């Protein structure tokens, strides 16, 4: 194996692990800090770290650029992450949340096909139905075999997260087609604007719920650092680096490794049980993905947790 091949393989492994780490970090910190509070401190740290790198360019931003990134931030970070974190805080296993969120590319492909009135839309919807069936197998098995009394409503939250991320993807694609150029200001500026929007929304939600507190538990600060370093900076750095070496389609395919990696990671770290129905469900979801991807590559964004 050549050095370049080994480097590319290692980079892909870092990408999968860093994007999967968000679900693990959520499990690590939400129990003691709560979902909103943990996310607030995470994005406060993320925004503070990015501010020195974008400060001089902030004054040159147009309202359209700020509005565009604020919408993306609301959909792909605030709505997505709050839904996932509340579900995990309520007791939903991190691996199960990752499996449900893995439906996002299928939802995006199906909605894109419908919006474009493409003939291949039937194939996208077939893949989506099969993917939902796989998730249904996982949920039914978890609900029947798990000792944890988890409300069935918690399973809907990662699905809501997947839908909001799909809407963000379609909106981002639409703006790209219209050649607005709102997201073409490097990499750090969009991340800063989206993170700052999320921070403001989290602060407002935290104040309304009286949920903004300075954590006193060491594991919460470990989770904040974990989510900032691994799930934000290393995740995005590995994504940007891979996109320079691989096609967006090949990079997006790596996202489907997140659920099994998260399941195994959570089992080793937290002792989460792995039921046979989970493995069957993953295979069914993978089948839905393969059916969808045979004729459509419309599922190009990665999900962050």
C-alpha atoms as a PDB file:
ATOM      1  CA  UNK A   1       0.000   0.000   0.000  1.00  0.00           C
ATOM      2  CA  UNK A   2       1.472   3.329  -1.100  1.00  0.00           C
ATOM      3  CA  UNK A   3       1.738   6.327   1.203  1.00  0.00           C
ATOM      4  CA  UNK A   4      -0.911   8.255  -0.714  1.00  0.00           C
ATOM      5  CA  UNK A   5      -3.341   5.330  -0.488  1.00  0.00           C
ATOM      6  CA  UNK A   6      -2.648   4.897   3.217  1.00  0.00           C
ATOM      7  CA  UNK A   7      -3.112   8.640   3.775  1.00  0.00           C
ATOM      8  CA  UNK A   8      -6.429   8.665   1.928  1.00  0.00           C
ATOM      9  CA  UNK A   9      -7.647   5.615   3.857  1.00  0.00           C
ATOM     10  CA  UNK A  10      -6.632   7.213   7.170  1.00  0.00           C
ATOM     11  CA  UNK A  11      -8.352  10.460   6.190  1.00  0.00           C
ATOM     12  CA  UNK A  12     -11.578   8.596   5.426  1.00  0.00           C
ATOM     13  CA  UNK A  13     -11.372   6.798   8.771  1.00  0.00           C
ATOM     14  CA  UNK A  14     -10.910  10.135  10.563  1.00  0.00           C
ATOM     15  CA  UNK A  15     -13.894  11.531   8.670  1.00  0.00           C
ATOM     16  CA  UNK A  16     -16.216   8.674   9.668  1.00  0.00           C
ATOM     17  CA  UNK A  17     -15.047   8.655  13.292  1.00  0.00           C
ATOM     18  CA  UNK A  18     -15.278  12.437  13.710  1.00  0.00           C
ATOM     19  CA  UNK A  19     -18.785  12.662  12.243  1.00  0.00           C
ATOM     20  CA  UNK A  20     -19.916   9.680  14.330  1.00  0.00           C
ATOM     21  CA  UNK A  21     -18.419  11.272  17.437  1.00  0.00           C
ATOM     22  CA  UNK A  22     -21.255  13.802  17.615  1.00  0.00           C
ATOM     23  CA  UNK A  23     -23.748  11.149  18.702  1.00  0.00           C
ATOM     24  CA  UNK A  24     -21.279   9.843  21.297  1.00  0.00           C
ATOM     25  CA  UNK A  25     -20.536  13.336  22.605  1.00  0.00           C
ATOM     26  CA  UNK A  26     -24.255  14.008  22.931  1.00  0.00           C
ATOM     27  CA  UNK A  27     -24.658  10.860  25.010  1.00  0.00           C
ATOM     28  CA  UNK A  28     -21.653  11.834  27.120  1.00  0.00           C
ATOM     29  CA  UNK A  29     -22.875  15.309  28.069  1.00  0.00           C
ATOM     30  CA  UNK A  30     -26.660  15.615  27.803  1.00  0.00           C
ATOM     31  CA  UNK A  31     -27.479  13.478  30.836  1.00  0.00           C
ATOM     32  CA  UNK A  32     -25.946  16.014  33.220  1.00  0.00           C
ATOM     33  CA  UNK A  33     -26.111  19.242  31.197  1.00  0.00           C
ATOM     34  CA  UNK A  34     -29.322  18.880  29.194  1.00  0.00           C
ATOM     35  CA  UNK A  35     -29.600  19.197  25.416  1.00  0.00           C
ATOM     36  CA  UNK A  36     -29.977  22.972  25.052  1.00  0.00           C
ATOM     37  CA  UNK A  37     -27.361  23.812  27.672  1.00  0.00           C
ATOM     38  CA  UNK A  38     -24.755  21.427  26.229  1.00  0.00           C
ATOM     39  CA  UNK A  39     -25.293  22.753  22.721  1.00  0.00           C
ATOM     40  CA  UNK A  40     -25.102  26.353  23.934  1.00  0.00           C
ATOM     41  CA  UNK A  41     -21.663  25.897  25.451  1.00  0.00           C
ATOM     42  CA  UNK A  42     -20.497  23.912  22.437  1.00  0.00           C
ATOM     43  CA  UNK A  43     -21.428  26.639  19.975  1.00  0.00           C
ATOM     44  CA  UNK A  44     -20.185  29.379  22.253  1.00  0.00           C
ATOM     45  CA  UNK A  45     -16.768  27.726  22.138  1.00  0.00           C
ATOM     46  CA  UNK A  46     -16.990  27.077  18.374  1.00  0.00           C
ATOM     47  CA  UNK A  47     -17.969  30.680  17.648  1.00  0.00           C
ATOM     48  CA  UNK A  48     -15.270  32.068  19.937  1.00  0.00           C
ATOM     49  CA  UNK A  49     -12.610  29.947  18.214  1.00  0.00           C
ATOM     50  CA  UNK A  50     -13.696  31.039  14.738  1.00  0.00           C
ATOM     51  CA  UNK A  51     -14.182  34.744  15.461  1.00  0.00           C
ATOM     52  CA  UNK A  52     -10.484  35.796  15.249  1.00  0.00           C
ATOM     53  CA  UNK A  53     -10.207  34.229  11.772  1.00  0.00           C
ATOM     54  CA  UNK A  54     -13.237  36.000  10.281  1.00  0.00           C
ATOM     55  CA  UNK A  55     -13.361  39.265  12.256  1.00  0.00           C
ATOM     56  CA  UNK A  56     -11.902  41.495   9.550  1.00  0.00           C
ATOM     57  CA  UNK A  57     -14.285  40.167   6.885  1.00  0.00           C
ATOM     58  CA  UNK A  58     -17.494  40.491   8.903  1.00  0.00           C
ATOM     59  CA  UNK A  59     -18.077  44.109   7.947  1.00  0.00           C
ATOM     60  CA  UNK A  60     -17.989  43.292   4.222  1.00  0.00           C
ATOM     61  CA  UNK A  61     -20.841  40.780   4.416  1.00  0.00           C
ATOM     62  CA  UNK A  62     -24.090  41.516   2.634  1.00  0.00           C
ATOM     63  CA  UNK A  63     -27.511  40.996   4.181  1.00  0.00           C
ATOM     64  CA  UNK A  64     -28.171  38.261   1.633  1.00  0.00           C
ATOM     65  CA  UNK A  65     -25.086  36.333   2.779  1.00  0.00           C
ATOM     66  CA  UNK A  66     -26.070  36.643   6.431  1.00  0.00           C
ATOM     67  CA  UNK A  67     -29.678  35.651   5.693  1.00  0.00           C
ATOM     68  CA  UNK A  68     -28.619  32.640   3.619  1.00  0.00           C
ATOM     69  CA  UNK A  69     -26.258  31.289   6.283  1.00  0.00           C
ATOM     70  CA  UNK A  70     -28.762  32.036   9.055  1.00  0.00           C
ATOM     71  CA  UNK A  71     -31.357  29.857   7.307  1.00  0.00           C
ATOM     72  CA  UNK A  72     -28.819  27.054   6.804  1.00  0.00           C
ATOM     73  CA  UNK A  73     -27.708  27.372  10.423  1.00  0.00           C
ATOM     74  CA  UNK A  74     -31.272  27.178  11.711  1.00  0.00           C
ATOM     75  CA  UNK A  75     -32.125  24.088   9.659  1.00  0.00           C
ATOM     76  CA  UNK A  76     -28.879  22.111   9.614  1.00  0.00           C
ATOM     77  CA  UNK A  77     -27.546  22.938  13.080  1.00  0.00           C
ATOM     78  CA  UNK A  78     -30.170  24.294  15.477  1.00  0.00           C
ATOM     79  CA  UNK A  79     -33.240  22.274  14.432  1.00  0.00           C
ATOM     80  CA  UNK A  80     -31.221  19.185  13.553  1.00  0.00           C
ATOM     81  CA  UNK A  81     -29.026  19.035  16.635  1.00  0.00           C
ATOM     82  CA  UNK A  82     -31.675  20.047  19.166  1.00  0.00           C
ATOM     83  CA  UNK A  83     -33.937  17.248  17.914  1.00  0.00           C
ATOM     84  CA  UNK A  84     -31.161  14.649  18.091  1.00  0.00           C
ATOM     85  CA  UNK A  85     -29.820  15.787  21.459  1.00  0.00           C
ATOM     86  CA  UNK A  86     -33.257  15.879  23.103  1.00  0.00           C
ATOM     87  CA  UNK A  87     -33.880  12.331  21.865  1.00  0.00           C
ATOM     88  CA  UNK A  88     -30.557  11.092  23.243  1.00  0.00           C
ATOM     89  CA  UNK A  89     -31.137  13.020  26.479  1.00  0.00           C
ATOM     90  CA  UNK A  90     -34.477  11.208  26.762  1.00  0.00           C
ATOM     91  CA  UNK A  91     -32.765   7.833  26.606  1.00  0.00           C
ATOM     92  CA  UNK A  92     -32.693   6.979  22.909  1.00  0.00           C
ATOM     93  CA  UNK A  93     -29.444   5.060  22.212  1.00  0.00           C
ATOM     94  CA  UNK A  94     -26.934   7.039  20.186  1.00  0.00           C
ATOM     95  CA  UNK A  95     -26.636   4.281  17.593  1.00  0.00           C
ATOM     96  CA  UNK A  96     -30.391   4.153  17.034  1.00  0.00           C
ATOM     97  CA  UNK A  97     -30.463   7.938  16.583  1.00  0.00           C
ATOM     98  CA  UNK A  98     -27.669   7.610  14.012  1.00  0.00           C
ATOM     99  CA  UNK A  99     -29.599   4.964  12.060  1.00  0.00           C
ATOM    100  CA  UNK A 100     -32.738   7.122  11.876  1.00  0.00           C
ATOM    101  CA  UNK A 101     -30.711  10.181  10.857  1.00  0.00           C
ATOM    102  CA  UNK A 102     -29.161   8.070   8.082  1.00  0.00           C
ATOM    103  CA  UNK A 103     -32.500   8.371   6.268  1.00  0.00           C
ATOM    104  CA  UNK A 104     -31.642  11.999   5.448  1.00  0.00           C
ATOM    105  CA  UNK A 105     -29.950  11.312   2.087  1.00  0.00           C
ATOM    106  CA  UNK A 106     -32.899   9.130   1.036  1.00  0.00           C
ATOM    107  CA  UNK A 107     -35.390  11.840   2.021  1.00  0.00           C
ATOM    108  CA  UNK A 108     -33.346  14.427   0.129  1.00  0.00           C
ATOM    109  CA  UNK A 109     -33.162  12.263  -2.998  1.00  0.00           C
ATOM    110  CA  UNK A 110     -36.897  11.537  -2.952  1.00  0.00           C
ATOM    111  CA  UNK A 111     -37.875  15.182  -2.414  1.00  0.00           C
ATOM    112  CA  UNK A 112     -35.444  16.362  -5.086  1.00  0.00           C
ATOM    113  CA  UNK A 113     -36.870  13.891  -7.594  1.00  0.00           C
ATOM    114  CA  UNK A 114     -40.410  15.021  -6.795  1.00  0.00           C
ATOM    115  CA  UNK A 115     -39.525  18.689  -7.069  1.00  0.00           C
ATOM    116  CA  UNK A 116     -37.900  18.129 -10.466  1.00  0.00           C
ATOM    117  CA  UNK A 117     -40.716  15.853 -11.636  1.00  0.00           C
ATOM    118  CA  UNK A 118     -38.130  13.301 -12.722  1.00  0.00           C
ATOM    119  CA  UNK A 119     -39.155   9.887 -14.018  1.00  0.00           C
ATOM    120  CA  UNK A 120     -36.605   8.307 -11.737  1.00  0.00           C
ATOM    121  CA  UNK A 121     -38.517   9.716  -8.756  1.00  0.00           C
ATOM    122  CA  UNK A 122     -40.296   6.370  -8.344  1.00  0.00           C
ATOM    123  CA  UNK A 123     -36.952   4.706  -7.665  1.00  0.00           C
ATOM    124  CA  UNK A 124     -36.030   7.342  -5.060  1.00  0.00           C
ATOM    125  CA  UNK A 125     -39.363   6.859  -3.292  1.00  0.00           C
ATOM    126  CA  UNK A 126     -38.956   3.068  -3.413  1.00  0.00           C
ATOM    127  CA  UNK A 127     -35.554   3.432  -1.781  1.00  0.00           C
ATOM    128  CA  UNK A 128     -37.053   5.745   0.833  1.00  0.00           C
ATOM    129  CA  UNK A 129     -39.851   3.278   1.639  1.00  0.00           C
ATOM    130  CA  UNK A 130     -37.340   0.453   2.007  1.00  0.00           C
ATOM    131  CA  UNK A 131     -35.133   2.673   4.169  1.00  0.00           C
ATOM    132  CA  UNK A 132     -38.091   3.516   6.408  1.00  0.00           C
ATOM    133  CA  UNK A 133     -38.862  -0.202   6.654  1.00  0.00           C
ATOM    134  CA  UNK A 134     -35.325  -0.847   7.861  1.00  0.00           C
ATOM    135  CA  UNK A 135     -35.605   1.881  10.475  1.00  0.00           C
ATOM    136  CA  UNK A 136     -38.974   0.428  11.485  1.00  0.00           C
ATOM    137  CA  UNK A 137     -37.324  -2.943  12.083  1.00  0.00           C
ATOM    138  CA  UNK A 138     -34.688  -1.303  14.274  1.00  0.00           C
ATOM    139  CA  UNK A 139     -37.272   0.665  16.254  1.00  0.00           C
ATOM    140  CA  UNK A 140     -39.608  -2.308  16.757  1.00  0.00           C
ATOM    141  CA  UNK A 141     -36.733  -4.501  17.871  1.00  0.00           C
ATOM    142  CA  UNK A 142     -35.402  -1.841  20.242  1.00  0.00           C
ATOM    143  CA  UNK A 143     -38.880  -1.163  21.625  1.00  0.00           C
ATOM    144  CA  UNK A 144     -39.615  -4.851  22.183  1.00  0.00           C
ATOM    145  CA  UNK A 145     -36.247  -6.098  23.428  1.00  0.00           C
ATOM    146  CA  UNK A 146     -34.767  -3.146  25.310  1.00  0.00           C
ATOM    147  CA  UNK A 147     -35.093  -2.887  29.061  1.00  0.00           C
ATOM    148  CA  UNK A 148     -35.292   0.893  28.812  1.00  0.00           C
ATOM    149  CA  UNK A 149     -38.783   2.381  28.860  1.00  0.00           C
ATOM    150  CA  UNK A 150     -38.343   4.873  26.027  1.00  0.00           C
ATOM    151  CA  UNK A 151     -41.391   6.747  24.796  1.00  0.00           C
ATOM    152  CA  UNK A 152     -42.188   5.998  21.165  1.00  0.00           C
ATOM    153  CA  UNK A 153     -42.302   9.738  20.475  1.00  0.00           C
ATOM    154  CA  UNK A 154     -38.533  10.021  21.016  1.00  0.00           C
ATOM    155  CA  UNK A 155     -37.950   7.972  17.885  1.00  0.00           C
ATOM    156  CA  UNK A 156     -39.654  10.704  15.843  1.00  0.00           C
ATOM    157  CA  UNK A 157     -37.138  13.379  16.855  1.00  0.00           C
ATOM    158  CA  UNK A 158     -34.184  12.053  14.784  1.00  0.00           C
ATOM    159  CA  UNK A 159     -36.604  11.713  11.876  1.00  0.00           C
ATOM    160  CA  UNK A 160     -37.537  15.385  12.279  1.00  0.00           C
ATOM    161  CA  UNK A 161     -33.808  16.131  12.343  1.00  0.00           C
ATOM    162  CA  UNK A 162     -33.299  14.214   9.086  1.00  0.00           C
ATOM    163  CA  UNK A 163     -36.147  16.140   7.441  1.00  0.00           C
ATOM    164  CA  UNK A 164     -34.804  19.550   8.492  1.00  0.00           C
ATOM    165  CA  UNK A 165     -31.347  18.627   7.193  1.00  0.00           C
ATOM    166  CA  UNK A 166     -32.927  17.522   3.908  1.00  0.00           C
ATOM    167  CA  UNK A 167     -34.697  20.875   3.596  1.00  0.00           C
ATOM    168  CA  UNK A 168     -31.392  22.647   4.268  1.00  0.00           C
ATOM    169  CA  UNK A 169     -29.737  20.547   1.564  1.00  0.00           C
ATOM    170  CA  UNK A 170     -32.405  21.360  -1.013  1.00  0.00           C
ATOM    171  CA  UNK A 171     -32.308  25.055  -0.108  1.00  0.00           C
ATOM    172  CA  UNK A 172     -28.526  25.097  -0.419  1.00  0.00           C
ATOM    173  CA  UNK A 173     -28.738  23.339  -3.785  1.00  0.00           C
ATOM    174  CA  UNK A 174     -31.386  25.766  -5.024  1.00  0.00           C
ATOM    175  CA  UNK A 175     -29.218  28.748  -4.137  1.00  0.00           C
ATOM    176  CA  UNK A 176     -26.293  27.097  -5.911  1.00  0.00           C
ATOM    177  CA  UNK A 177     -28.383  26.605  -9.061  1.00  0.00           C
ATOM    178  CA  UNK A 178     -29.475  30.243  -8.896  1.00  0.00           C
ATOM    179  CA  UNK A 179     -25.766  31.169  -8.665  1.00  0.00           C
ATOM    180  CA  UNK A 180     -26.355  33.493  -5.725  1.00  0.00           C
ATOM    181  CA  UNK A 181     -22.828  32.988  -4.434  1.00  0.00           C
ATOM    182  CA  UNK A 182     -23.961  33.322  -0.811  1.00  0.00           C
ATOM    183  CA  UNK A 183     -21.892  30.330   0.319  1.00  0.00           C
ATOM    184  CA  UNK A 184     -18.753  31.108  -1.684  1.00  0.00           C
ATOM    185  CA  UNK A 185     -16.916  33.087   0.968  1.00  0.00           C
ATOM    186  CA  UNK A 186     -14.383  30.437   1.880  1.00  0.00           C
ATOM    187  CA  UNK A 187     -15.093  27.725   4.443  1.00  0.00           C
ATOM    188  CA  UNK A 188     -14.659  29.403   7.818  1.00  0.00           C
ATOM    189  CA  UNK A 189     -17.054  32.307   7.265  1.00  0.00           C
ATOM    190  CA  UNK A 190     -20.139  30.164   6.470  1.00  0.00           C
ATOM    191  CA  UNK A 191     -19.334  27.904   9.430  1.00  0.00           C
ATOM    192  CA  UNK A 192     -18.989  30.949  11.686  1.00  0.00           C
ATOM    193  CA  UNK A 193     -22.241  32.545  10.525  1.00  0.00           C
ATOM    194  CA  UNK A 194     -24.183  29.311  10.839  1.00  0.00           C
ATOM    195  CA  UNK A 195     -22.692  28.591  14.271  1.00  0.00           C
ATOM    196  CA  UNK A 196     -23.346  32.154  15.469  1.00  0.00           C
ATOM    197  CA  UNK A 197     -26.988  31.862  14.351  1.00  0.00           C
ATOM    198  CA  UNK A 198     -27.298  28.574  16.213  1.00  0.00           C
ATOM    199  CA  UNK A 199     -25.722  30.135  19.308  1.00  0.00           C
ATOM    200  CA  UNK A 200     -28.241  33.011  19.323  1.00  0.00           C
ATOM    201  CA  UNK A 201     -31.171  30.611  18.908  1.00  0.00           C
ATOM    202  CA  UNK A 202     -29.855  28.325  21.657  1.00  0.00           C
ATOM    203  CA  UNK A 203     -29.418  31.302  23.988  1.00  0.00           C
ATOM    204  CA  UNK A 204     -33.003  32.435  23.341  1.00  0.00           C
ATOM    205  CA  UNK A 205     -34.361  28.917  23.844  1.00  0.00           C
ATOM    206  CA  UNK A 206     -32.250  28.444  26.961  1.00  0.00           C
ATOM    207  CA  UNK A 207     -33.482  31.690  28.496  1.00  0.00           C
ATOM    208  CA  UNK A 208     -37.094  30.798  27.734  1.00  0.00           C
ATOM    209  CA  UNK A 209     -36.663  27.388  29.347  1.00  0.00           C
ATOM    210  CA  UNK A 210     -34.373  28.670  32.126  1.00  0.00           C
ATOM    211  CA  UNK A 211     -31.835  26.114  30.942  1.00  0.00           C
ATOM    212  CA  UNK A 212     -28.612  28.127  30.549  1.00  0.00           C
ATOM    213  CA  UNK A 213     -26.256  27.202  33.366  1.00  0.00           C
ATOM    214  CA  UNK A 214     -22.504  26.966  33.807  1.00  0.00           C
ATOM    215  CA  UNK A 215     -21.763  23.225  33.985  1.00  0.00           C
ATOM    216  CA  UNK A 216     -20.011  22.012  37.116  1.00  0.00           C
ATOM    217  CA  UNK A 217     -19.505  18.385  36.088  1.00  0.00           C
ATOM    218  CA  UNK A 218     -16.175  17.475  34.511  1.00  0.00           C
ATOM    219  CA  UNK A 219     -17.780  15.087  32.011  1.00  0.00           C
ATOM    220  CA  UNK A 220     -19.892  17.925  30.595  1.00  0.00           C
ATOM    221  CA  UNK A 221     -16.822  20.025  29.824  1.00  0.00           C
ATOM    222  CA  UNK A 222     -15.174  16.949  28.324  1.00  0.00           C
ATOM    223  CA  UNK A 223     -18.255  16.585  26.106  1.00  0.00           C
ATOM    224  CA  UNK A 224     -18.115  20.286  25.136  1.00  0.00           C
ATOM    225  CA  UNK A 225     -14.459  19.975  24.178  1.00  0.00           C
ATOM    226  CA  UNK A 226     -15.127  16.651  22.447  1.00  0.00           C
ATOM    227  CA  UNK A 227     -17.969  18.090  20.354  1.00  0.00           C
ATOM    228  CA  UNK A 228     -16.021  21.242  19.495  1.00  0.00           C
ATOM    229  CA  UNK A 229     -12.753  19.563  18.524  1.00  0.00           C
ATOM    230  CA  UNK A 230     -13.831  16.261  17.008  1.00  0.00           C
ATOM    231  CA  UNK A 231     -17.445  16.791  15.905  1.00  0.00           C
ATOM    232  CA  UNK A 232     -16.926  20.301  14.536  1.00  0.00           C
ATOM    233  CA  UNK A 233     -13.381  21.227  13.586  1.00  0.00           C
ATOM    234  CA  UNK A 234     -11.854  17.824  12.769  1.00  0.00           C
ATOM    235  CA  UNK A 235     -15.120  16.738  11.118  1.00  0.00           C
ATOM    236  CA  UNK A 236     -15.242  19.762   8.820  1.00  0.00           C
ATOM    237  CA  UNK A 237     -11.486  19.799   8.211  1.00  0.00           C
ATOM    238  CA  UNK A 238     -11.554  16.141   7.135  1.00  0.00           C
ATOM    239  CA  UNK A 239     -14.603  16.847   4.939  1.00  0.00           C
ATOM    240  CA  UNK A 240     -12.954  19.776   3.151  1.00  0.00           C
ATOM    241  CA  UNK A 241      -9.726  17.817   2.688  1.00  0.00           C
ATOM    242  CA  UNK A 242     -11.530  14.770   1.284  1.00  0.00           C
ATOM    243  CA  UNK A 243     -13.540  16.902  -1.145  1.00  0.00           C
ATOM    244  CA  UNK A 244     -10.246  18.035  -2.650  1.00  0.00           C
ATOM    245  CA  UNK A 245      -9.226  14.426  -3.290  1.00  0.00           C
ATOM    246  CA  UNK A 246     -12.529  12.626  -3.924  1.00  0.00           C
ATOM    247  CA  UNK A 247     -15.847  13.362  -5.592  1.00  0.00           C
ATOM    248  CA  UNK A 248     -18.737  14.625  -3.463  1.00  0.00           C
ATOM    249  CA  UNK A 249     -20.650  11.419  -4.248  1.00  0.00           C
ATOM    250  CA  UNK A 250     -17.856   9.197  -2.911  1.00  0.00           C
ATOM    251  CA  UNK A 251     -17.479  11.357   0.193  1.00  0.00           C
ATOM    252  CA  UNK A 252     -21.220  11.320   0.869  1.00  0.00           C
ATOM    253  CA  UNK A 253     -21.184   7.514   0.627  1.00  0.00           C
ATOM    254  CA  UNK A 254     -18.930   7.440   3.705  1.00  0.00           C
ATOM    255  CA  UNK A 255     -21.803   8.908   5.736  1.00  0.00           C
ATOM    256  CA  UNK A 256     -23.539   5.528   5.601  1.00  0.00           C
ATOM    257  CA  UNK A 257     -20.771   4.094   7.763  1.00  0.00           C
ATOM    258  CA  UNK A 258     -21.816   6.364  10.637  1.00  0.00           C
ATOM    259  CA  UNK A 259     -24.659   4.191  12.055  1.00  0.00           C
ATOM    260  CA  UNK A 260     -22.675   0.927  12.421  1.00  0.00           C
ATOM    261  CA  UNK A 261     -19.624   2.804  13.723  1.00  0.00           C
ATOM    262  CA  UNK A 262     -21.788   4.701  16.239  1.00  0.00           C
ATOM    263  CA  UNK A 263     -23.532   1.478  17.332  1.00  0.00           C
ATOM    264  CA  UNK A 264     -20.233  -0.298  17.961  1.00  0.00           C
ATOM    265  CA  UNK A 265     -18.716   2.773  19.646  1.00  0.00           C
ATOM    266  CA  UNK A 266     -21.716   3.195  21.973  1.00  0.00           C
ATOM    267  CA  UNK A 267     -21.687  -0.509  22.802  1.00  0.00           C
ATOM    268  CA  UNK A 268     -18.013  -0.376  23.790  1.00  0.00           C
ATOM    269  CA  UNK A 269     -18.180   2.958  25.615  1.00  0.00           C
ATOM    270  CA  UNK A 270     -21.604   2.831  27.271  1.00  0.00           C
ATOM    271  CA  UNK A 271     -22.521  -0.842  27.158  1.00  0.00           C
ATOM    272  CA  UNK A 272     -25.493  -0.316  24.826  1.00  0.00           C
ATOM    273  CA  UNK A 273     -27.041  -3.628  23.790  1.00  0.00           C
ATOM    274  CA  UNK A 274     -26.976  -4.654  20.128  1.00  0.00           C
ATOM    275  CA  UNK A 275     -30.056  -6.676  19.095  1.00  0.00           C
ATOM    276  CA  UNK A 276     -30.243  -8.903  16.017  1.00  0.00           C
ATOM    277  CA  UNK A 277     -33.035  -6.721  14.684  1.00  0.00           C
ATOM    278  CA  UNK A 278     -30.593  -3.800  14.578  1.00  0.00           C
ATOM    279  CA  UNK A 279     -28.313  -5.650  12.174  1.00  0.00           C
ATOM    280  CA  UNK A 280     -31.277  -6.657   9.987  1.00  0.00           C
ATOM    281  CA  UNK A 281     -32.510  -3.065   9.970  1.00  0.00           C
ATOM    282  CA  UNK A 282     -29.093  -1.738   8.921  1.00  0.00           C
ATOM    283  CA  UNK A 283     -29.032  -4.180   5.986  1.00  0.00           C
ATOM    284  CA  UNK A 284     -32.508  -3.096   4.891  1.00  0.00           C
ATOM    285  CA  UNK A 285     -31.583   0.592   5.134  1.00  0.00           C
ATOM    286  CA  UNK A 286     -28.413  -0.127   3.123  1.00  0.00           C
ATOM    287  CA  UNK A 287     -30.575  -1.801   0.463  1.00  0.00           C
ATOM    288  CA  UNK A 288     -32.746   1.299   0.235  1.00  0.00           C
ATOM    289  CA  UNK A 289     -29.638   3.448  -0.117  1.00  0.00           C
ATOM    290  CA  UNK A 290     -28.253   1.265  -2.915  1.00  0.00           C
ATOM    291  CA  UNK A 291     -31.546   1.365  -4.823  1.00  0.00           C
ATOM    292  CA  UNK A 292     -31.677   5.141  -4.545  1.00  0.00           C
ATOM    293  CA  UNK A 293     -28.042   5.688  -5.487  1.00  0.00           C
ATOM    294  CA  UNK A 294     -28.154   3.514  -8.603  1.00  0.00           C
ATOM    295  CA  UNK A 295     -29.728   6.285 -10.648  1.00  0.00           C
ATOM    296  CA  UNK A 296     -29.612   9.346  -8.446  1.00  0.00           C
ATOM    297  CA  UNK A 297     -26.756  11.056  -6.641  1.00  0.00           C
ATOM    298  CA  UNK A 298     -28.960  13.745  -5.117  1.00  0.00           C
ATOM    299  CA  UNK A 299     -27.930  13.060  -1.528  1.00  0.00           C
ATOM    300  CA  UNK A 300     -24.746  15.060  -1.186  1.00  0.00           C
ATOM    301  CA  UNK A 301     -24.590  16.595   2.323  1.00  0.00           C
ATOM    302  CA  UNK A 302     -23.249  15.068   5.446  1.00  0.00           C
ATOM    303  CA  UNK A 303     -25.018  15.155   8.798  1.00  0.00           C
ATOM    304  CA  UNK A 304     -23.361  16.512  11.807  1.00  0.00           C
ATOM    305  CA  UNK A 305     -24.329  15.561  15.309  1.00  0.00           C
END
